PDB file of N, CA and C in Angstrom:
ATOM      1  N   MET A   1       0.850  -9.517 -15.760  1.00  0.00           N
ATOM      2  CA  MET A   1      -0.110  -8.784 -14.956  1.00  0.00           C
ATOM      3  C   MET A   1       0.548  -8.425 -13.622  1.00  0.00           C
ATOM      4  N   ALA A   2       0.507  -7.155 -13.260  1.00  0.00           N
ATOM      5  CA  ALA A   2       1.115  -6.710 -12.008  1.00  0.00           C
ATOM      6  C   ALA A   2       0.293  -7.197 -10.817  1.00  0.00           C
ATOM      7  N   ARG A   3       1.000  -7.523  -9.737  1.00  0.00           N
ATOM      8  CA  ARG A   3       0.362  -8.016  -8.513  1.00  0.00           C
ATOM      9  C   ARG A   3       0.359  -6.893  -7.472  1.00  0.00           C
ATOM     10  N   ILE A   4      -0.826  -6.594  -6.933  1.00  0.00           N
ATOM     11  CA  ILE A   4      -0.995  -5.549  -5.930  1.00  0.00           C
ATOM     12  C   ILE A   4      -1.355  -6.208  -4.595  1.00  0.00           C
ATOM     13  N   LEU A   5      -0.697  -5.788  -3.522  1.00  0.00           N
ATOM     14  CA  LEU A   5      -1.063  -6.240  -2.179  1.00  0.00           C
ATOM     15  C   LEU A   5      -1.812  -5.109  -1.490  1.00  0.00           C
ATOM     16  N   VAL A   6      -3.067  -5.369  -1.111  1.00  0.00           N
ATOM     17  CA  VAL A   6      -3.894  -4.405  -0.396  1.00  0.00           C
ATOM     18  C   VAL A   6      -3.865  -4.781   1.080  1.00  0.00           C
ATOM     19  N   VAL A   7      -3.438  -3.841   1.937  1.00  0.00           N
ATOM     20  CA  VAL A   7      -3.356  -4.098   3.371  1.00  0.00           C
ATOM     21  C   VAL A   7      -4.207  -3.069   4.107  1.00  0.00           C
ATOM     22  N   ASP A   8      -5.310  -3.531   4.680  1.00  0.00           N
ATOM     23  CA  ASP A   8      -6.214  -2.654   5.436  1.00  0.00           C
ATOM     24  C   ASP A   8      -7.005  -3.537   6.394  1.00  0.00           C
ATOM     25  N   ASP A   9      -7.333  -3.004   7.565  1.00  0.00           N
ATOM     26  CA  ASP A   9      -8.076  -3.794   8.547  1.00  0.00           C
ATOM     27  C   ASP A   9      -9.587  -3.605   8.450  1.00  0.00           C
ATOM     28  N   GLU A  10     -10.042  -2.770   7.519  1.00  0.00           N
ATOM     29  CA  GLU A  10     -11.477  -2.565   7.328  1.00  0.00           C
ATOM     30  C   GLU A  10     -11.940  -3.403   6.140  1.00  0.00           C
ATOM     31  N   PRO A  11     -12.743  -4.450   6.392  1.00  0.00           N
ATOM     32  CA  PRO A  11     -13.156  -5.366   5.314  1.00  0.00           C
ATOM     33  C   PRO A  11     -13.806  -4.668   4.122  1.00  0.00           C
ATOM     34  N   ASN A  12     -14.602  -3.643   4.346  1.00  0.00           N
ATOM     35  CA  ASN A  12     -15.256  -2.943   3.228  1.00  0.00           C
ATOM     36  C   ASN A  12     -14.240  -2.249   2.330  1.00  0.00           C
ATOM     37  N   ILE A  13     -13.201  -1.694   2.934  1.00  0.00           N
ATOM     38  CA  ILE A  13     -12.163  -1.025   2.139  1.00  0.00           C
ATOM     39  C   ILE A  13     -11.352  -2.057   1.368  1.00  0.00           C
ATOM     40  N   VAL A  14     -11.033  -3.182   2.021  1.00  0.00           N
ATOM     41  CA  VAL A  14     -10.299  -4.251   1.336  1.00  0.00           C
ATOM     42  C   VAL A  14     -11.097  -4.731   0.124  1.00  0.00           C
ATOM     43  N   LEU A  15     -12.388  -4.980   0.323  1.00  0.00           N
ATOM     44  CA  LEU A  15     -13.232  -5.446  -0.783  1.00  0.00           C
ATOM     45  C   LEU A  15     -13.305  -4.438  -1.914  1.00  0.00           C
ATOM     46  N   SER A  16     -13.486  -3.167  -1.574  1.00  0.00           N
ATOM     47  CA  SER A  16     -13.620  -2.157  -2.634  1.00  0.00           C
ATOM     48  C   SER A  16     -12.296  -1.953  -3.367  1.00  0.00           C
ATOM     49  N   LEU A  17     -11.169  -1.956  -2.635  1.00  0.00           N
ATOM     50  CA  LEU A  17      -9.871  -1.814  -3.298  1.00  0.00           C
ATOM     51  C   LEU A  17      -9.534  -3.035  -4.139  1.00  0.00           C
ATOM     52  N   GLU A  18      -9.880  -4.212  -3.633  1.00  0.00           N
ATOM     53  CA  GLU A  18      -9.641  -5.443  -4.387  1.00  0.00           C
ATOM     54  C   GLU A  18     -10.418  -5.401  -5.701  1.00  0.00           C
ATOM     55  N   PHE A  19     -11.692  -5.026  -5.622  1.00  0.00           N
ATOM     56  CA  PHE A  19     -12.529  -4.933  -6.817  1.00  0.00           C
ATOM     57  C   PHE A  19     -11.976  -3.879  -7.782  1.00  0.00           C
ATOM     58  N   LEU A  20     -11.636  -2.704  -7.250  1.00  0.00           N
ATOM     59  CA  LEU A  20     -11.115  -1.611  -8.075  1.00  0.00           C
ATOM     60  C   LEU A  20      -9.844  -2.028  -8.818  1.00  0.00           C
ATOM     61  N   MET A  21      -8.927  -2.655  -8.105  1.00  0.00           N
ATOM     62  CA  MET A  21      -7.652  -3.053  -8.717  1.00  0.00           C
ATOM     63  C   MET A  21      -7.848  -4.198  -9.719  1.00  0.00           C
ATOM     64  N   GLN A  22      -8.767  -5.127  -9.422  1.00  0.00           N
ATOM     65  CA  GLN A  22      -9.057  -6.199 -10.378  1.00  0.00           C
ATOM     66  C   GLN A  22      -9.673  -5.624 -11.650  1.00  0.00           C
ATOM     67  N   GLN A  23     -10.561  -4.664 -11.504  1.00  0.00           N
ATOM     68  CA  GLN A  23     -11.181  -4.034 -12.670  1.00  0.00           C
ATOM     69  C   GLN A  23     -10.148  -3.288 -13.511  1.00  0.00           C
ATOM     70  N   ALA A  24      -9.092  -2.809 -12.857  1.00  0.00           N
ATOM     71  CA  ALA A  24      -8.024  -2.104 -13.577  1.00  0.00           C
ATOM     72  C   ALA A  24      -7.028  -3.086 -14.197  1.00  0.00           C
ATOM     73  N   GLY A  25      -7.261  -4.398 -13.993  1.00  0.00           N
ATOM     74  CA  GLY A  25      -6.424  -5.400 -14.646  1.00  0.00           C
ATOM     75  C   GLY A  25      -5.292  -5.958 -13.813  1.00  0.00           C
ATOM     76  N   PHE A  26      -5.346  -5.764 -12.488  1.00  0.00           N
ATOM     77  CA  PHE A  26      -4.274  -6.251 -11.633  1.00  0.00           C
ATOM     78  C   PHE A  26      -4.661  -7.557 -10.929  1.00  0.00           C
ATOM     79  N   ASP A  27      -3.647  -8.336 -10.608  1.00  0.00           N
ATOM     80  CA  ASP A  27      -3.801  -9.507  -9.749  1.00  0.00           C
ATOM     81  C   ASP A  27      -3.724  -8.958  -8.325  1.00  0.00           C
ATOM     82  N   VAL A  28      -4.677  -9.312  -7.458  1.00  0.00           N
ATOM     83  CA  VAL A  28      -4.747  -8.694  -6.133  1.00  0.00           C
ATOM     84  C   VAL A  28      -4.614  -9.728  -5.022  1.00  0.00           C
ATOM     85  N   MET A  29      -3.768  -9.399  -4.049  1.00  0.00           N
ATOM     86  CA  MET A  29      -3.646 -10.158  -2.810  1.00  0.00           C
ATOM     87  C   MET A  29      -4.104  -9.215  -1.698  1.00  0.00           C
ATOM     88  N   THR A  30      -4.596  -9.768  -0.593  1.00  0.00           N
ATOM     89  CA  THR A  30      -5.036  -8.913   0.502  1.00  0.00           C
ATOM     90  C   THR A  30      -4.475  -9.408   1.832  1.00  0.00           C
ATOM     91  N   ALA A  31      -4.366  -8.468   2.776  1.00  0.00           N
ATOM     92  CA  ALA A  31      -3.966  -8.781   4.150  1.00  0.00           C
ATOM     93  C   ALA A  31      -4.705  -7.820   5.064  1.00  0.00           C
ATOM     94  N   MET A  32      -5.084  -8.311   6.241  1.00  0.00           N
ATOM     95  CA  MET A  32      -5.861  -7.496   7.181  1.00  0.00           C
ATOM     96  C   MET A  32      -5.006  -6.849   8.270  1.00  0.00           C
ATOM     97  N   ASP A  33      -3.718  -7.213   8.350  1.00  0.00           N
ATOM     98  CA  ASP A  33      -2.847  -6.612   9.358  1.00  0.00           C
ATOM     99  C   ASP A  33      -1.397  -6.676   8.882  1.00  0.00           C
ATOM    100  N   GLY A  34      -0.525  -6.015   9.637  1.00  0.00           N
ATOM    101  CA  GLY A  34       0.875  -5.929   9.244  1.00  0.00           C
ATOM    102  C   GLY A  34       1.592  -7.257   9.218  1.00  0.00           C
ATOM    103  N   GLU A  35       1.304  -8.102  10.227  1.00  0.00           N
ATOM    104  CA  GLU A  35       1.982  -9.400  10.293  1.00  0.00           C
ATOM    105  C   GLU A  35       1.647 -10.267   9.082  1.00  0.00           C
ATOM    106  N   SER A  36       0.354 -10.326   8.718  1.00  0.00           N
ATOM    107  CA  SER A  36      -0.010 -11.156   7.559  1.00  0.00           C
ATOM    108  C   SER A  36       0.483 -10.521   6.260  1.00  0.00           C
ATOM    109  N   ALA A  37       0.604  -9.197   6.228  1.00  0.00           N
ATOM    110  CA  ALA A  37       1.179  -8.539   5.044  1.00  0.00           C
ATOM    111  C   ALA A  37       2.631  -8.956   4.867  1.00  0.00           C
ATOM    112  N   MET A  38       3.396  -8.953   5.961  1.00  0.00           N
ATOM    113  CA  MET A  38       4.810  -9.339   5.874  1.00  0.00           C
ATOM    114  C   MET A  38       4.943 -10.807   5.460  1.00  0.00           C
ATOM    115  N   ALA A  39       4.066 -11.666   5.986  1.00  0.00           N
ATOM    116  CA  ALA A  39       4.101 -13.090   5.619  1.00  0.00           C
ATOM    117  C   ALA A  39       3.759 -13.264   4.146  1.00  0.00           C
ATOM    118  N   SER A  40       2.790 -12.509   3.675  1.00  0.00           N
ATOM    119  CA  SER A  40       2.369 -12.589   2.283  1.00  0.00           C
ATOM    120  C   SER A  40       3.497 -12.142   1.348  1.00  0.00           C
ATOM    121  N   ILE A  41       4.181 -11.072   1.723  1.00  0.00           N
ATOM    122  CA  ILE A  41       5.290 -10.554   0.915  1.00  0.00           C
ATOM    123  C   ILE A  41       6.435 -11.561   0.878  1.00  0.00           C
ATOM    124  N   ALA A  42       6.707 -12.202   2.010  1.00  0.00           N
ATOM    125  CA  ALA A  42       7.777 -13.205   2.064  1.00  0.00           C
ATOM    126  C   ALA A  42       7.449 -14.393   1.165  1.00  0.00           C
ATOM    127  N   ASP A  43       6.151 -14.716   1.071  1.00  0.00           N
ATOM    128  CA  ASP A  43       5.704 -15.853   0.272  1.00  0.00           C
ATOM    129  C   ASP A  43       5.680 -15.516  -1.216  1.00  0.00           C
ATOM    130  N   THR A  44       5.049 -14.402  -1.578  1.00  0.00           N
ATOM    131  CA  THR A  44       4.914 -13.976  -2.973  1.00  0.00           C
ATOM    132  C   THR A  44       5.023 -12.466  -3.035  1.00  0.00           C
ATOM    133  N   ALA A  45       6.146 -11.961  -3.499  1.00  0.00           N
ATOM    134  CA  ALA A  45       6.365 -10.515  -3.520  1.00  0.00           C
ATOM    135  C   ALA A  45       5.421  -9.824  -4.508  1.00  0.00           C
ATOM    136  N   PRO A  46       4.725  -8.776  -4.048  1.00  0.00           N
ATOM    137  CA  PRO A  46       3.870  -8.016  -4.956  1.00  0.00           C
ATOM    138  C   PRO A  46       4.699  -7.027  -5.779  1.00  0.00           C
ATOM    139  N   ASP A  47       4.068  -6.443  -6.792  1.00  0.00           N
ATOM    140  CA  ASP A  47       4.728  -5.406  -7.589  1.00  0.00           C
ATOM    141  C   ASP A  47       4.485  -4.023  -6.999  1.00  0.00           C
ATOM    142  N   LEU A  48       3.429  -3.926  -6.152  1.00  0.00           N
ATOM    143  CA  LEU A  48       3.088  -2.657  -5.513  1.00  0.00           C
ATOM    144  C   LEU A  48       2.212  -2.968  -4.304  1.00  0.00           C
ATOM    145  N   MET A  49       2.275  -2.091  -3.295  1.00  0.00           N
ATOM    146  CA  MET A  49       1.493  -2.297  -2.082  1.00  0.00           C
ATOM    147  C   MET A  49       0.675  -1.058  -1.755  1.00  0.00           C
ATOM    148  N   LEU A  50      -0.604  -1.280  -1.432  1.00  0.00           N
ATOM    149  CA  LEU A  50      -1.473  -0.235  -0.889  1.00  0.00           C
ATOM    150  C   LEU A  50      -1.561  -0.529   0.596  1.00  0.00           C
ATOM    151  N   LEU A  51      -1.015   0.346   1.427  1.00  0.00           N
ATOM    152  CA  LEU A  51      -0.797   0.059   2.841  1.00  0.00           C
ATOM    153  C   LEU A  51      -1.471   1.086   3.736  1.00  0.00           C
ATOM    154  N   ASP A  52      -2.433   0.616   4.540  1.00  0.00           N
ATOM    155  CA  ASP A  52      -3.099   1.473   5.510  1.00  0.00           C
ATOM    156  C   ASP A  52      -2.137   1.745   6.662  1.00  0.00           C
ATOM    157  N   ILE A  53      -2.213   2.953   7.237  1.00  0.00           N
ATOM    158  CA  ILE A  53      -1.354   3.283   8.374  1.00  0.00           C
ATOM    159  C   ILE A  53      -1.877   2.639   9.656  1.00  0.00           C
ATOM    160  N   SER A  54      -3.189   2.756   9.887  1.00  0.00           N
ATOM    161  CA  SER A  54      -3.791   2.275  11.140  1.00  0.00           C
ATOM    162  C   SER A  54      -4.163   0.802  11.029  1.00  0.00           C
ATOM    163  N   LEU A  55      -3.269  -0.049  11.508  1.00  0.00           N
ATOM    164  CA  LEU A  55      -3.495  -1.494  11.488  1.00  0.00           C
ATOM    165  C   LEU A  55      -3.361  -2.035  12.902  1.00  0.00           C
ATOM    166  N   PRO A  56      -4.068  -3.126  13.228  1.00  0.00           N
ATOM    167  CA  PRO A  56      -3.899  -3.735  14.554  1.00  0.00           C
ATOM    168  C   PRO A  56      -2.508  -4.359  14.660  1.00  0.00           C
ATOM    169  N   GLY A  57      -1.905  -4.280  15.829  1.00  0.00           N
ATOM    170  CA  GLY A  57      -0.568  -4.851  16.004  1.00  0.00           C
ATOM    171  C   GLY A  57       0.480  -3.984  15.331  1.00  0.00           C
ATOM    172  N   MET A  58       1.119  -4.520  14.317  1.00  0.00           N
ATOM    173  CA  MET A  58       2.154  -3.803  13.578  1.00  0.00           C
ATOM    174  C   MET A  58       1.503  -2.738  12.684  1.00  0.00           C
ATOM    175  N   SER A  59       1.860  -1.469  12.902  1.00  0.00           N
ATOM    176  CA  SER A  59       1.258  -0.390  12.115  1.00  0.00           C
ATOM    177  C   SER A  59       1.794  -0.371  10.687  1.00  0.00           C
ATOM    178  N   GLY A  60       1.118   0.368   9.834  1.00  0.00           N
ATOM    179  CA  GLY A  60       1.596   0.541   8.463  1.00  0.00           C
ATOM    180  C   GLY A  60       2.978   1.174   8.428  1.00  0.00           C
ATOM    181  N   PHE A  61       3.237   2.099   9.354  1.00  0.00           N
ATOM    182  CA  PHE A  61       4.572   2.707   9.429  1.00  0.00           C
ATOM    183  C   PHE A  61       5.620   1.646   9.756  1.00  0.00           C
ATOM    184  N   ASP A  62       5.295   0.714  10.673  1.00  0.00           N
ATOM    185  CA  ASP A  62       6.229  -0.361  11.029  1.00  0.00           C
ATOM    186  C   ASP A  62       6.505  -1.265   9.825  1.00  0.00           C
ATOM    187  N   VAL A  63       5.445  -1.613   9.098  1.00  0.00           N
ATOM    188  CA  VAL A  63       5.597  -2.450   7.901  1.00  0.00           C
ATOM    189  C   VAL A  63       6.492  -1.732   6.889  1.00  0.00           C
ATOM    190  N   LEU A  64       6.225  -0.452   6.680  1.00  0.00           N
ATOM    191  CA  LEU A  64       7.013   0.349   5.740  1.00  0.00           C
ATOM    192  C   LEU A  64       8.488   0.360   6.142  1.00  0.00           C
ATOM    193  N   GLU A  65       8.758   0.599   7.427  1.00  0.00           N
ATOM    194  CA  GLU A  65      10.153   0.624   7.898  1.00  0.00           C
ATOM    195  C   GLU A  65      10.847  -0.715   7.673  1.00  0.00           C
ATOM    196  N   ARG A  66      10.160  -1.808   7.985  1.00  0.00           N
ATOM    197  CA  ARG A  66      10.761  -3.138   7.800  1.00  0.00           C
ATOM    198  C   ARG A  66      11.060  -3.416   6.336  1.00  0.00           C
ATOM    199  N   LEU A  67      10.128  -3.050   5.463  1.00  0.00           N
ATOM    200  CA  LEU A  67      10.339  -3.298   4.035  1.00  0.00           C
ATOM    201  C   LEU A  67      11.484  -2.452   3.491  1.00  0.00           C
ATOM    202  N   ARG A  68      11.562  -1.206   3.917  1.00  0.00           N
ATOM    203  CA  ARG A  68      12.633  -0.335   3.429  1.00  0.00           C
ATOM    204  C   ARG A  68      14.000  -0.784   3.943  1.00  0.00           C
ATOM    205  N   ALA A  69      14.022  -1.471   5.089  1.00  0.00           N
ATOM    206  CA  ALA A  69      15.281  -1.977   5.653  1.00  0.00           C
ATOM    207  C   ALA A  69      15.698  -3.303   5.017  1.00  0.00           C
ATOM    208  N   SER A  70      14.794  -3.935   4.282  1.00  0.00           N
ATOM    209  CA  SER A  70      15.074  -5.236   3.670  1.00  0.00           C
ATOM    210  C   SER A  70      15.682  -5.062   2.284  1.00  0.00           C
ATOM    211  N   PRO A  71      16.835  -5.688   2.033  1.00  0.00           N
ATOM    212  CA  PRO A  71      17.432  -5.561   0.697  1.00  0.00           C
ATOM    213  C   PRO A  71      16.536  -6.124  -0.412  1.00  0.00           C
ATOM    214  N   HIS A  72      15.701  -7.095  -0.081  1.00  0.00           N
ATOM    215  CA  HIS A  72      14.842  -7.711  -1.094  1.00  0.00           C
ATOM    216  C   HIS A  72      13.616  -6.861  -1.438  1.00  0.00           C
ATOM    217  N   HIS A  73      13.186  -6.005  -0.501  1.00  0.00           N
ATOM    218  CA  HIS A  73      11.936  -5.277  -0.702  1.00  0.00           C
ATOM    219  C   HIS A  73      12.085  -3.767  -0.569  1.00  0.00           C
ATOM    220  N   SER A  74      13.311  -3.274  -0.519  1.00  0.00           N
ATOM    221  CA  SER A  74      13.522  -1.848  -0.280  1.00  0.00           C
ATOM    222  C   SER A  74      12.996  -0.967  -1.413  1.00  0.00           C
ATOM    223  N   ARG A  75      12.832  -1.523  -2.592  1.00  0.00           N
ATOM    224  CA  ARG A  75      12.379  -0.727  -3.731  1.00  0.00           C
ATOM    225  C   ARG A  75      10.919  -1.008  -4.120  1.00  0.00           C
ATOM    226  N   LEU A  76      10.212  -1.802  -3.305  1.00  0.00           N
ATOM    227  CA  LEU A  76       8.807  -2.094  -3.559  1.00  0.00           C
ATOM    228  C   LEU A  76       8.002  -0.795  -3.507  1.00  0.00           C
ATOM    229  N   PRO A  77       7.273  -0.450  -4.583  1.00  0.00           N
ATOM    230  CA  PRO A  77       6.459   0.770  -4.545  1.00  0.00           C
ATOM    231  C   PRO A  77       5.333   0.629  -3.506  1.00  0.00           C
ATOM    232  N   ILE A  78       5.233   1.625  -2.623  1.00  0.00           N
ATOM    233  CA  ILE A  78       4.237   1.594  -1.555  1.00  0.00           C
ATOM    234  C   ILE A  78       3.453   2.898  -1.535  1.00  0.00           C
ATOM    235  N   ILE A  79       2.121   2.762  -1.601  1.00  0.00           N
ATOM    236  CA  ILE A  79       1.227   3.907  -1.445  1.00  0.00           C
ATOM    237  C   ILE A  79       0.554   3.760  -0.086  1.00  0.00           C
ATOM    238  N   MET A  80       0.763   4.731   0.782  1.00  0.00           N
ATOM    239  CA  MET A  80       0.152   4.718   2.104  1.00  0.00           C
ATOM    240  C   MET A  80      -1.294   5.195   1.996  1.00  0.00           C
ATOM    241  N   LEU A  81      -2.190   4.519   2.726  1.00  0.00           N
ATOM    242  CA  LEU A  81      -3.597   4.903   2.790  1.00  0.00           C
ATOM    243  C   LEU A  81      -3.923   5.274   4.223  1.00  0.00           C
ATOM    244  N   THR A  82      -4.669   6.355   4.410  1.00  0.00           N
ATOM    245  CA  THR A  82      -5.043   6.722   5.768  1.00  0.00           C
ATOM    246  C   THR A  82      -6.326   7.522   5.799  1.00  0.00           C
ATOM    247  N   ALA A  83      -7.027   7.415   6.908  1.00  0.00           N
ATOM    248  CA  ALA A  83      -8.205   8.239   7.136  1.00  0.00           C
ATOM    249  C   ALA A  83      -7.774   9.561   7.753  1.00  0.00           C
ATOM    250  N   HIS A  84      -6.529   9.629   8.158  1.00  0.00           N
ATOM    251  CA  HIS A  84      -6.004  10.841   8.789  1.00  0.00           C
ATOM    252  C   HIS A  84      -5.323  11.706   7.738  1.00  0.00           C
ATOM    253  N   GLY A  85      -5.814  12.907   7.554  1.00  0.00           N
ATOM    254  CA  GLY A  85      -5.222  13.785   6.552  1.00  0.00           C
ATOM    255  C   GLY A  85      -4.173  14.705   7.126  1.00  0.00           C
ATOM    256  N   ARG A  86      -3.695  14.393   8.336  1.00  0.00           N
ATOM    257  CA  ARG A  86      -2.740  15.289   8.980  1.00  0.00           C
ATOM    258  C   ARG A  86      -1.411  15.306   8.235  1.00  0.00           C
ATOM    259  N   GLU A  87      -0.898  16.484   8.047  1.00  0.00           N
ATOM    260  CA  GLU A  87       0.356  16.673   7.307  1.00  0.00           C
ATOM    261  C   GLU A  87       1.519  15.941   7.976  1.00  0.00           C
ATOM    262  N   VAL A  88       1.525  15.884   9.317  1.00  0.00           N
ATOM    263  CA  VAL A  88       2.628  15.225  10.028  1.00  0.00           C
ATOM    264  C   VAL A  88       2.687  13.737   9.680  1.00  0.00           C
ATOM    265  N   GLU A  89       1.526  13.087   9.506  1.00  0.00           N
ATOM    266  CA  GLU A  89       1.525  11.665   9.130  1.00  0.00           C
ATOM    267  C   GLU A  89       1.998  11.484   7.696  1.00  0.00           C
ATOM    268  N   ARG A  90       1.570  12.390   6.834  1.00  0.00           N
ATOM    269  CA  ARG A  90       2.013  12.327   5.436  1.00  0.00           C
ATOM    270  C   ARG A  90       3.533  12.466   5.377  1.00  0.00           C
ATOM    271  N   GLU A  91       4.057  13.448   6.103  1.00  0.00           N
ATOM    272  CA  GLU A  91       5.505  13.672   6.107  1.00  0.00           C
ATOM    273  C   GLU A  91       6.251  12.477   6.679  1.00  0.00           C
ATOM    274  N   LYS A  92       5.704  11.864   7.739  1.00  0.00           N
ATOM    275  CA  LYS A  92       6.349  10.691   8.332  1.00  0.00           C
ATOM    276  C   LYS A  92       6.383   9.544   7.332  1.00  0.00           C
ATOM    277  N   GLY A  93       5.257   9.297   6.661  1.00  0.00           N
ATOM    278  CA  GLY A  93       5.193   8.220   5.680  1.00  0.00           C
ATOM    279  C   GLY A  93       6.187   8.426   4.548  1.00  0.00           C
ATOM    280  N   LEU A  94       6.260   9.639   4.034  1.00  0.00           N
ATOM    281  CA  LEU A  94       7.186   9.926   2.941  1.00  0.00           C
ATOM    282  C   LEU A  94       8.631   9.850   3.431  1.00  0.00           C
ATOM    283  N   ALA A  95       8.888  10.326   4.674  1.00  0.00           N
ATOM    284  CA  ALA A  95      10.242  10.272   5.226  1.00  0.00           C
ATOM    285  C   ALA A  95      10.704   8.827   5.424  1.00  0.00           C
ATOM    286  N   LEU A  96       9.763   7.940   5.756  1.00  0.00           N
ATOM    287  CA  LEU A  96      10.108   6.532   5.952  1.00  0.00           C
ATOM    288  C   LEU A  96      10.261   5.783   4.632  1.00  0.00           C
ATOM    289  N   GLY A  97       9.921   6.438   3.524  1.00  0.00           N
ATOM    290  CA  GLY A  97      10.149   5.817   2.227  1.00  0.00           C
ATOM    291  C   GLY A  97       8.922   5.469   1.415  1.00  0.00           C
ATOM    292  N   ALA A  98       7.733   5.918   1.848  1.00  0.00           N
ATOM    293  CA  ALA A  98       6.537   5.677   1.026  1.00  0.00           C
ATOM    294  C   ALA A  98       6.695   6.405  -0.300  1.00  0.00           C
ATOM    295  N   ASP A  99       6.165   5.824  -1.357  1.00  0.00           N
ATOM    296  CA  ASP A  99       6.257   6.442  -2.675  1.00  0.00           C
ATOM    297  C   ASP A  99       5.150   7.460  -2.904  1.00  0.00           C
ATOM    298  N   ASP A 100       4.017   7.252  -2.230  1.00  0.00           N
ATOM    299  CA  ASP A 100       2.901   8.183  -2.367  1.00  0.00           C
ATOM    300  C   ASP A 100       1.997   8.013  -1.161  1.00  0.00           C
ATOM    301  N   TYR A 101       0.995   8.882  -1.066  1.00  0.00           N
ATOM    302  CA  TYR A 101       0.152   8.950   0.119  1.00  0.00           C
ATOM    303  C   TYR A 101      -1.250   9.331  -0.325  1.00  0.00           C
ATOM    304  N   VAL A 102      -2.257   8.565   0.092  1.00  0.00           N
ATOM    305  CA  VAL A 102      -3.639   8.838  -0.295  1.00  0.00           C
ATOM    306  C   VAL A 102      -4.496   8.895   0.963  1.00  0.00           C
ATOM    307  N   THR A 103      -5.314   9.945   1.073  1.00  0.00           N
ATOM    308  CA  THR A 103      -6.211  10.100   2.215  1.00  0.00           C
ATOM    309  C   THR A 103      -7.595   9.584   1.845  1.00  0.00           C
ATOM    310  N   LYS A 104      -8.184   8.763   2.734  1.00  0.00           N
ATOM    311  CA  LYS A 104      -9.540   8.258   2.531  1.00  0.00           C
ATOM    312  C   LYS A 104     -10.525   9.357   2.921  1.00  0.00           C
ATOM    313  N   PRO A 105     -11.640   9.498   2.267  1.00  0.00           N
ATOM    314  CA  PRO A 105     -11.998   8.800   1.027  1.00  0.00           C
ATOM    315  C   PRO A 105     -11.172   9.343  -0.134  1.00  0.00           C
ATOM    316  N   PHE A 106     -10.913   8.509  -1.110  1.00  0.00           N
ATOM    317  CA  PHE A 106     -10.058   8.896  -2.227  1.00  0.00           C
ATOM    318  C   PHE A 106     -10.799   8.729  -3.543  1.00  0.00           C
ATOM    319  N   SER A 107     -10.280   9.395  -4.546  1.00  0.00           N
ATOM    320  CA  SER A 107     -10.810   9.257  -5.897  1.00  0.00           C
ATOM    321  C   SER A 107     -10.321   7.924  -6.460  1.00  0.00           C
ATOM    322  N   THR A 108     -11.259   7.084  -6.922  1.00  0.00           N
ATOM    323  CA  THR A 108     -10.854   5.777  -7.441  1.00  0.00           C
ATOM    324  C   THR A 108      -9.951   5.930  -8.660  1.00  0.00           C
ATOM    325  N   GLN A 109     -10.298   6.828  -9.568  1.00  0.00           N
ATOM    326  CA  GLN A 109      -9.463   7.021 -10.756  1.00  0.00           C
ATOM    327  C   GLN A 109      -8.114   7.611 -10.377  1.00  0.00           C
ATOM    328  N   GLY A 110      -8.121   8.510  -9.404  1.00  0.00           N
ATOM    329  CA  GLY A 110      -6.858   9.097  -8.942  1.00  0.00           C
ATOM    330  C   GLY A 110      -5.927   8.043  -8.374  1.00  0.00           C
ATOM    331  N   LEU A 111      -6.485   7.091  -7.616  1.00  0.00           N
ATOM    332  CA  LEU A 111      -5.675   6.018  -7.041  1.00  0.00           C
ATOM    333  C   LEU A 111      -5.132   5.112  -8.144  1.00  0.00           C
ATOM    334  N   ILE A 112      -5.968   4.753  -9.098  1.00  0.00           N
ATOM    335  CA  ILE A 112      -5.504   3.923 -10.228  1.00  0.00           C
ATOM    336  C   ILE A 112      -4.382   4.638 -10.978  1.00  0.00           C
ATOM    337  N   ASP A 113      -4.528   5.945 -11.185  1.00  0.00           N
ATOM    338  CA  ASP A 113      -3.489   6.719 -11.873  1.00  0.00           C
ATOM    339  C   ASP A 113      -2.168   6.675 -11.113  1.00  0.00           C
ATOM    340  N   LYS A 114      -2.233   6.790  -9.781  1.00  0.00           N
ATOM    341  CA  LYS A 114      -1.012   6.736  -8.968  1.00  0.00           C
ATOM    342  C   LYS A 114      -0.359   5.350  -9.068  1.00  0.00           C
ATOM    343  N   VAL A 115      -1.179   4.302  -9.005  1.00  0.00           N
ATOM    344  CA  VAL A 115      -0.673   2.932  -9.101  1.00  0.00           C
ATOM    345  C   VAL A 115       0.012   2.736 -10.455  1.00  0.00           C
ATOM    346  N   LEU A 116      -0.657   3.134 -11.520  1.00  0.00           N
ATOM    347  CA  LEU A 116      -0.077   2.976 -12.856  1.00  0.00           C
ATOM    348  C   LEU A 116       1.229   3.764 -12.994  1.00  0.00           C
ATOM    349  N   ALA A 117       1.255   4.981 -12.470  1.00  0.00           N
ATOM    350  CA  ALA A 117       2.463   5.806 -12.568  1.00  0.00           C
ATOM    351  C   ALA A 117       3.631   5.147 -11.841  1.00  0.00           C
ATOM    352  N   LEU A 118       3.383   4.602 -10.644  1.00  0.00           N
ATOM    353  CA  LEU A 118       4.470   3.940  -9.902  1.00  0.00           C
ATOM    354  C   LEU A 118       4.928   2.673 -10.603  1.00  0.00           C
ATOM    355  N   LEU A 119       3.987   1.916 -11.145  1.00  0.00           N
ATOM    356  CA  LEU A 119       4.362   0.677 -11.824  1.00  0.00           C
ATOM    357  C   LEU A 119       5.138   0.954 -13.117  1.00  0.00           C
ATOM    358  N   GLU A 120       4.896   2.120 -13.695  1.00  0.00           N
ATOM    359  CA  GLU A 120       5.628   2.501 -14.913  1.00  0.00           C
ATOM    360  C   GLU A 120       6.953   3.180 -14.582  1.00  0.00           C
ATOM    361  N   GLY A 121       7.273   3.257 -13.298  1.00  0.00           N
ATOM    362  CA  GLY A 121       8.581   3.777 -12.894  1.00  0.00           C
ATOM    363  C   GLY A 121       8.635   5.265 -12.659  1.00  0.00           C
ATOM    364  N   GLU A 122       7.496   5.925 -12.686  1.00  0.00           N
ATOM    365  CA  GLU A 122       7.511   7.357 -12.377  1.00  0.00           C
ATOM    366  C   GLU A 122       7.523   7.512 -10.861  1.00  0.00           C
ATOM    367  N   THR A 123       8.008   8.632 -10.393  1.00  0.00           N
ATOM    368  CA  THR A 123       7.990   8.891  -8.947  1.00  0.00           C
ATOM    369  C   THR A 123       7.248  10.183  -8.688  1.00  0.00           C
ATOM    370  N   ARG A 124       6.710  10.242  -7.468  1.00  0.00           N
ATOM    371  CA  ARG A 124       5.957  11.402  -6.990  1.00  0.00           C
ATOM    372  C   ARG A 124       5.766  12.442  -8.022  1.00  0.00           C
TER     373      ARG A 124
END
């Protein structure tokens, strides 16, 4: 069973994503900020990460940069989540190494499809 790490500072979004991913058959871990996400990854590496950009303290972009710079986690599939649909943020996330980008609110089936595609080794 693939392990998904959901990182978002909004409890309702964490709960809904956790439920959605569990219903799709995944083992789910959660973190409310960048620091706890990094600690969680160091403890138990996920197979894929759903990462919000706007986090308290360390931003999602910072987490993404650190993971891409790490030899152990540079290939971890990461889908960025954001309430901001601005093209400049999407481009920044992809330039920093995100595998995909989803704007909130998102289609639940569309998100599951993206997760499955990344876990099966497909890219963008």
